[in-house]
Amino acid sequence: MASRSRAPINHGTASSFLPQDHNCYEGQRLACLLQLINKTIDSARHSDWKSLPEKIWLKQQLSIGVNEVTRVLERMTTCDDQESSLASDNRRKSSSVQLQVVLVASDCNSRWLTKHLPSLASSRKVPLIFVKDKKGASLRLGELVKLKTAIAIGVKAKGTSINQLFVELLRGNSLQQVDDLINLERLPLLK
């Protein structure tokens, strides 16, 4: 039996899975990003007046892991659903949890674990930030949330300093500019 060659299947946003230069962090740029996120998380944790245990506090601020990020993204309304619900005045219950941005380890061992995230996130207009570190990106993301590994981390939109950090990053500011802005905002708190 002769074998047939098949043309590659295009699943709509296959090109959106490829990391874009400005949303892909590796090397020294990645180290600076993770240090800045860690500093912001620590600052937000210490400024929060609620004395919750660290793991519970992190779970309130972040969706940790591919399954949880996928679950939250699926519960968010798509852009098409928002437009159609406004037009038809349909009173469907939407998710109370919204993600601002998703960090994804782009060099994870089983790429199929994260292959669905770009299309799912783009349908909800949630930006992705790819983290690449010579097969160690999941370890680096895990350090942020005090776990061994984390392939995906979603930042919940709650209006915290963590969210402000990603707003500035997504505006296109450099890591040094964002660090300077965050330090300037903290100065009045110290006085």
C-alpha atoms as a PDB file:
ATOM      1  CA  MET A   1       0.000   0.000   0.000  1.00  0.00           C
ATOM      2  CA  ALA A   2       1.433   3.347  -1.008  1.00  0.00           C
ATOM      3  CA  SER A   3       1.785   5.938   1.698  1.00  0.00           C
ATOM      4  CA  ARG A   4       0.104   9.256   1.191  1.00  0.00           C
ATOM      5  CA  SER A   5       1.703  12.473   2.192  1.00  0.00           C
ATOM      6  CA  ARG A   6      -0.593  14.801   3.988  1.00  0.00           C
ATOM      7  CA  ALA A   7      -0.434  18.526   4.086  1.00  0.00           C
ATOM      8  CA  PRO A   8       0.020  19.946   7.583  1.00  0.00           C
ATOM      9  CA  ILE A   9      -3.221  20.824   9.275  1.00  0.00           C
ATOM     10  CA  ASN A  10      -3.600  24.487  10.167  1.00  0.00           C
ATOM     11  CA  HIS A  11      -5.596  24.884  13.375  1.00  0.00           C
ATOM     12  CA  GLY A  12      -6.361  28.566  12.997  1.00  0.00           C
ATOM     13  CA  THR A  13      -3.851  30.190  15.294  1.00  0.00           C
ATOM     14  CA  ALA A  14      -0.939  27.798  14.942  1.00  0.00           C
ATOM     15  CA  SER A  15       1.393  30.736  14.405  1.00  0.00           C
ATOM     16  CA  SER A  16       0.307  32.245  17.718  1.00  0.00           C
ATOM     17  CA  PHE A  17       1.977  29.308  19.505  1.00  0.00           C
ATOM     18  CA  LEU A  18       5.350  30.460  18.291  1.00  0.00           C
ATOM     19  CA  PRO A  19       6.829  32.858  20.817  1.00  0.00           C
ATOM     20  CA  GLN A  20       7.186  36.429  19.668  1.00  0.00           C
ATOM     21  CA  ASP A  21      10.475  38.135  20.481  1.00  0.00           C
ATOM     22  CA  HIS A  22       8.972  40.737  22.795  1.00  0.00           C
ATOM     23  CA  ASN A  23       6.938  38.136  24.711  1.00  0.00           C
ATOM     24  CA  CYS A  24       9.668  35.509  24.982  1.00  0.00           C
ATOM     25  CA  TYR A  25      12.142  35.790  27.828  1.00  0.00           C
ATOM     26  CA  GLU A  26      15.377  33.815  28.014  1.00  0.00           C
ATOM     27  CA  GLY A  27      18.907  34.205  29.334  1.00  0.00           C
ATOM     28  CA  GLN A  28      19.723  37.395  31.229  1.00  0.00           C
ATOM     29  CA  ARG A  29      16.390  38.945  30.264  1.00  0.00           C
ATOM     30  CA  LEU A  30      14.589  35.989  31.883  1.00  0.00           C
ATOM     31  CA  ALA A  31      16.692  36.241  35.041  1.00  0.00           C
ATOM     32  CA  CYS A  32      15.809  39.942  35.344  1.00  0.00           C
ATOM     33  CA  LEU A  33      12.103  39.242  34.744  1.00  0.00           C
ATOM     34  CA  LEU A  34      11.932  36.487  37.357  1.00  0.00           C
ATOM     35  CA  GLN A  35      13.843  38.600  39.883  1.00  0.00           C
ATOM     36  CA  LEU A  36      11.441  41.492  39.284  1.00  0.00           C
ATOM     37  CA  ILE A  37       8.374  39.235  39.631  1.00  0.00           C
ATOM     38  CA  ASN A  38       9.792  37.690  42.812  1.00  0.00           C
ATOM     39  CA  LYS A  39      10.478  41.127  44.297  1.00  0.00           C
ATOM     40  CA  THR A  40       6.969  42.295  43.391  1.00  0.00           C
ATOM     41  CA  ILE A  41       5.336  39.170  44.850  1.00  0.00           C
ATOM     42  CA  ASP A  42       7.305  39.557  48.092  1.00  0.00           C
ATOM     43  CA  SER A  43       6.411  43.239  48.318  1.00  0.00           C
ATOM     44  CA  ALA A  44       2.715  42.595  47.640  1.00  0.00           C
ATOM     45  CA  ARG A  45       2.690  39.757  50.163  1.00  0.00           C
ATOM     46  CA  HIS A  46       4.210  41.904  52.909  1.00  0.00           C
ATOM     47  CA  SER A  47       1.992  44.902  52.180  1.00  0.00           C
ATOM     48  CA  ASP A  48      -1.161  42.758  52.299  1.00  0.00           C
ATOM     49  CA  TRP A  49      -2.705  43.212  55.734  1.00  0.00           C
ATOM     50  CA  LYS A  50      -4.312  39.764  55.710  1.00  0.00           C
ATOM     51  CA  SER A  51      -2.108  37.193  57.379  1.00  0.00           C
ATOM     52  CA  LEU A  52      -2.898  34.187  55.208  1.00  0.00           C
ATOM     53  CA  PRO A  53      -0.400  31.354  54.807  1.00  0.00           C
ATOM     54  CA  GLU A  54       1.901  31.924  51.832  1.00  0.00           C
ATOM     55  CA  LYS A  55       0.577  29.086  49.642  1.00  0.00           C
ATOM     56  CA  ILE A  56      -3.038  30.195  50.108  1.00  0.00           C
ATOM     57  CA  TRP A  57      -2.110  33.813  49.386  1.00  0.00           C
ATOM     58  CA  LEU A  58      -0.307  32.741  46.193  1.00  0.00           C
ATOM     59  CA  LYS A  59      -3.350  30.715  45.080  1.00  0.00           C
ATOM     60  CA  GLN A  60      -5.498  33.844  45.477  1.00  0.00           C
ATOM     61  CA  GLN A  61      -3.160  35.856  43.243  1.00  0.00           C
ATOM     62  CA  LEU A  62      -2.162  33.217  40.682  1.00  0.00           C
ATOM     63  CA  SER A  63      -3.540  30.199  38.830  1.00  0.00           C
ATOM     64  CA  ILE A  64      -0.793  27.617  39.101  1.00  0.00           C
ATOM     65  CA  GLY A  65      -0.377  24.748  36.649  1.00  0.00           C
ATOM     66  CA  VAL A  66      -1.629  23.937  33.179  1.00  0.00           C
ATOM     67  CA  ASN A  67      -4.891  22.387  34.398  1.00  0.00           C
ATOM     68  CA  GLU A  68      -5.875  25.328  36.583  1.00  0.00           C
ATOM     69  CA  VAL A  69      -4.887  27.919  33.957  1.00  0.00           C
ATOM     70  CA  THR A  70      -6.900  26.000  31.346  1.00  0.00           C
ATOM     71  CA  ARG A  71      -9.896  25.765  33.682  1.00  0.00           C
ATOM     72  CA  VAL A  72      -9.893  29.509  34.393  1.00  0.00           C
ATOM     73  CA  LEU A  73      -9.455  30.390  30.704  1.00  0.00           C
ATOM     74  CA  GLU A  74     -12.318  28.082  29.716  1.00  0.00           C
ATOM     75  CA  ARG A  75     -14.622  29.706  32.282  1.00  0.00           C
ATOM     76  CA  MET A  76     -13.813  33.186  31.017  1.00  0.00           C
ATOM     77  CA  THR A  77     -16.105  34.436  28.283  1.00  0.00           C
ATOM     78  CA  THR A  78     -14.710  34.647  24.783  1.00  0.00           C
ATOM     79  CA  CYS A  79     -14.702  37.901  22.892  1.00  0.00           C
ATOM     80  CA  ASP A  80     -17.427  36.553  20.577  1.00  0.00           C
ATOM     81  CA  ASP A  81     -19.570  35.530  23.572  1.00  0.00           C
ATOM     82  CA  GLN A  82     -19.263  38.995  25.104  1.00  0.00           C
ATOM     83  CA  GLU A  83     -20.445  40.657  21.891  1.00  0.00           C
ATOM     84  CA  SER A  84     -23.319  38.213  21.319  1.00  0.00           C
ATOM     85  CA  SER A  85     -24.471  38.378  24.934  1.00  0.00           C
ATOM     86  CA  LEU A  86     -24.642  42.164  24.733  1.00  0.00           C
ATOM     87  CA  ALA A  87     -26.626  41.973  21.519  1.00  0.00           C
ATOM     88  CA  SER A  88     -29.085  39.346  22.724  1.00  0.00           C
ATOM     89  CA  ASP A  89     -29.132  40.544  26.369  1.00  0.00           C
ATOM     90  CA  ASN A  90     -28.462  37.000  27.506  1.00  0.00           C
ATOM     91  CA  ARG A  91     -27.907  36.895  31.298  1.00  0.00           C
ATOM     92  CA  ARG A  92     -25.405  34.055  31.447  1.00  0.00           C
ATOM     93  CA  LYS A  93     -23.193  33.810  34.502  1.00  0.00           C
ATOM     94  CA  SER A  94     -19.590  34.614  33.612  1.00  0.00           C
ATOM     95  CA  SER A  95     -16.487  33.626  35.523  1.00  0.00           C
ATOM     96  CA  SER A  96     -15.618  35.854  38.452  1.00  0.00           C
ATOM     97  CA  VAL A  97     -11.921  35.056  38.005  1.00  0.00           C
ATOM     98  CA  GLN A  98     -10.200  36.814  35.116  1.00  0.00           C
ATOM     99  CA  LEU A  99      -6.612  36.258  34.039  1.00  0.00           C
ATOM    100  CA  GLN A 100      -4.477  39.234  33.120  1.00  0.00           C
ATOM    101  CA  VAL A 101      -1.559  37.303  31.604  1.00  0.00           C
ATOM    102  CA  VAL A 102      -0.287  33.721  31.397  1.00  0.00           C
ATOM    103  CA  LEU A 103       3.364  32.716  31.825  1.00  0.00           C
ATOM    104  CA  VAL A 104       4.177  29.536  29.882  1.00  0.00           C
ATOM    105  CA  ALA A 105       7.321  27.394  29.908  1.00  0.00           C
ATOM    106  CA  SER A 106       7.858  27.141  26.165  1.00  0.00           C
ATOM    107  CA  ASP A 107      10.582  24.520  26.394  1.00  0.00           C
ATOM    108  CA  CYS A 108       8.680  22.000  28.504  1.00  0.00           C
ATOM    109  CA  ASN A 109       9.347  18.344  27.753  1.00  0.00           C
ATOM    110  CA  SER A 110       5.856  17.413  26.581  1.00  0.00           C
ATOM    111  CA  ARG A 111       4.906  20.254  24.283  1.00  0.00           C
ATOM    112  CA  TRP A 112       1.350  18.930  23.883  1.00  0.00           C
ATOM    113  CA  LEU A 113       0.686  19.915  27.506  1.00  0.00           C
ATOM    114  CA  THR A 114       0.739  23.597  26.558  1.00  0.00           C
ATOM    115  CA  LYS A 115      -0.178  23.472  22.876  1.00  0.00           C
ATOM    116  CA  HIS A 116      -3.803  24.480  23.525  1.00  0.00           C
ATOM    117  CA  LEU A 117      -2.985  27.538  25.649  1.00  0.00           C
ATOM    118  CA  PRO A 118      -2.146  30.056  22.869  1.00  0.00           C
ATOM    119  CA  SER A 119      -5.439  29.595  21.021  1.00  0.00           C
ATOM    120  CA  LEU A 120      -7.455  29.492  24.243  1.00  0.00           C
ATOM    121  CA  ALA A 121      -5.760  32.613  25.593  1.00  0.00           C
ATOM    122  CA  SER A 122      -6.079  34.527  22.328  1.00  0.00           C
ATOM    123  CA  SER A 123      -9.818  33.808  22.169  1.00  0.00           C
ATOM    124  CA  ARG A 124     -10.109  35.440  25.624  1.00  0.00           C
ATOM    125  CA  LYS A 125      -7.657  38.236  24.742  1.00  0.00           C
ATOM    126  CA  VAL A 126      -5.234  37.150  27.472  1.00  0.00           C
ATOM    127  CA  PRO A 127      -1.600  37.752  26.511  1.00  0.00           C
ATOM    128  CA  LEU A 128       0.993  35.003  26.850  1.00  0.00           C
ATOM    129  CA  ILE A 129       4.561  35.436  28.028  1.00  0.00           C
ATOM    130  CA  PHE A 130       6.843  32.580  27.040  1.00  0.00           C
ATOM    131  CA  VAL A 131       9.711  31.576  29.322  1.00  0.00           C
ATOM    132  CA  LYS A 132      12.611  29.648  27.808  1.00  0.00           C
ATOM    133  CA  ASP A 133      15.628  28.357  29.742  1.00  0.00           C
ATOM    134  CA  LYS A 134      17.343  25.325  28.152  1.00  0.00           C
ATOM    135  CA  LYS A 135      14.771  22.776  29.350  1.00  0.00           C
ATOM    136  CA  GLY A 136      14.589  24.400  32.791  1.00  0.00           C
ATOM    137  CA  ALA A 137      11.828  26.979  32.349  1.00  0.00           C
ATOM    138  CA  SER A 138       9.318  24.953  34.359  1.00  0.00           C
ATOM    139  CA  LEU A 139      11.832  24.820  37.215  1.00  0.00           C
ATOM    140  CA  ARG A 140      12.287  28.588  37.056  1.00  0.00           C
ATOM    141  CA  LEU A 141       8.517  29.184  37.063  1.00  0.00           C
ATOM    142  CA  GLY A 142       8.158  26.734  39.942  1.00  0.00           C
ATOM    143  CA  GLU A 143      10.576  28.817  42.024  1.00  0.00           C
ATOM    144  CA  LEU A 144       8.183  31.764  41.748  1.00  0.00           C
ATOM    145  CA  VAL A 145       5.364  29.862  43.405  1.00  0.00           C
ATOM    146  CA  LYS A 146       7.454  27.821  45.864  1.00  0.00           C
ATOM    147  CA  LEU A 147       6.971  24.542  43.969  1.00  0.00           C
ATOM    148  CA  LYS A 148       9.374  22.201  42.218  1.00  0.00           C
ATOM    149  CA  THR A 149       7.965  22.884  38.728  1.00  0.00           C
ATOM    150  CA  ALA A 150       5.177  24.859  37.096  1.00  0.00           C
ATOM    151  CA  ILE A 151       4.579  24.710  33.351  1.00  0.00           C
ATOM    152  CA  ALA A 152       2.028  27.549  33.323  1.00  0.00           C
ATOM    153  CA  ILE A 153       1.121  30.347  35.726  1.00  0.00           C
ATOM    154  CA  GLY A 154      -1.843  32.641  35.209  1.00  0.00           C
ATOM    155  CA  VAL A 155      -1.850  36.025  36.916  1.00  0.00           C
ATOM    156  CA  LYS A 156      -5.343  36.824  38.216  1.00  0.00           C
ATOM    157  CA  ALA A 157      -6.587  40.347  37.560  1.00  0.00           C
ATOM    158  CA  LYS A 158      -7.011  41.720  41.086  1.00  0.00           C
ATOM    159  CA  GLY A 159      -5.547  45.229  40.862  1.00  0.00           C
ATOM    160  CA  THR A 160      -2.425  44.433  42.889  1.00  0.00           C
ATOM    161  CA  SER A 161       1.166  45.527  42.374  1.00  0.00           C
ATOM    162  CA  ILE A 162       1.705  42.209  40.601  1.00  0.00           C
ATOM    163  CA  ASN A 163      -0.890  43.266  38.047  1.00  0.00           C
ATOM    164  CA  GLN A 164       0.724  46.691  37.697  1.00  0.00           C
ATOM    165  CA  LEU A 165       4.042  45.009  36.911  1.00  0.00           C
ATOM    166  CA  PHE A 166       2.509  43.085  34.007  1.00  0.00           C
ATOM    167  CA  VAL A 167       0.588  46.136  32.764  1.00  0.00           C
ATOM    168  CA  GLU A 168       3.904  47.948  32.404  1.00  0.00           C
ATOM    169  CA  LEU A 169       5.601  44.962  30.776  1.00  0.00           C
ATOM    170  CA  LEU A 170       2.782  44.502  28.284  1.00  0.00           C
ATOM    171  CA  ARG A 171       2.902  48.200  27.399  1.00  0.00           C
ATOM    172  CA  GLY A 172       6.350  47.493  26.023  1.00  0.00           C
ATOM    173  CA  ASN A 173       8.429  49.066  28.767  1.00  0.00           C
ATOM    174  CA  SER A 174      11.836  47.507  29.322  1.00  0.00           C
ATOM    175  CA  LEU A 175      12.532  45.542  32.479  1.00  0.00           C
ATOM    176  CA  GLN A 176      14.727  48.362  33.812  1.00  0.00           C
ATOM    177  CA  GLN A 177      11.976  50.946  33.200  1.00  0.00           C
ATOM    178  CA  VAL A 178       9.421  48.726  34.961  1.00  0.00           C
ATOM    179  CA  ASP A 179      11.774  48.175  37.907  1.00  0.00           C
ATOM    180  CA  ASP A 180      12.334  51.939  38.175  1.00  0.00           C
ATOM    181  CA  LEU A 181       8.573  52.618  38.062  1.00  0.00           C
ATOM    182  CA  ILE A 182       7.854  50.058  40.755  1.00  0.00           C
ATOM    183  CA  ASN A 183      10.612  51.440  42.998  1.00  0.00           C
ATOM    184  CA  LEU A 184       9.267  54.984  42.547  1.00  0.00           C
ATOM    185  CA  GLU A 185       5.775  53.848  43.538  1.00  0.00           C
ATOM    186  CA  ARG A 186       7.124  52.199  46.701  1.00  0.00           C
ATOM    187  CA  LEU A 187       9.027  55.264  47.934  1.00  0.00           C
ATOM    188  CA  PRO A 188       5.977  57.038  49.411  1.00  0.00           C
ATOM    189  CA  LEU A 189       5.109  53.829  51.275  1.00  0.00           C
ATOM    190  CA  LEU A 190       8.455  53.845  53.049  1.00  0.00           C
ATOM    191  CA  LYS A 191       8.058  57.385  54.426  1.00  0.00           C
END
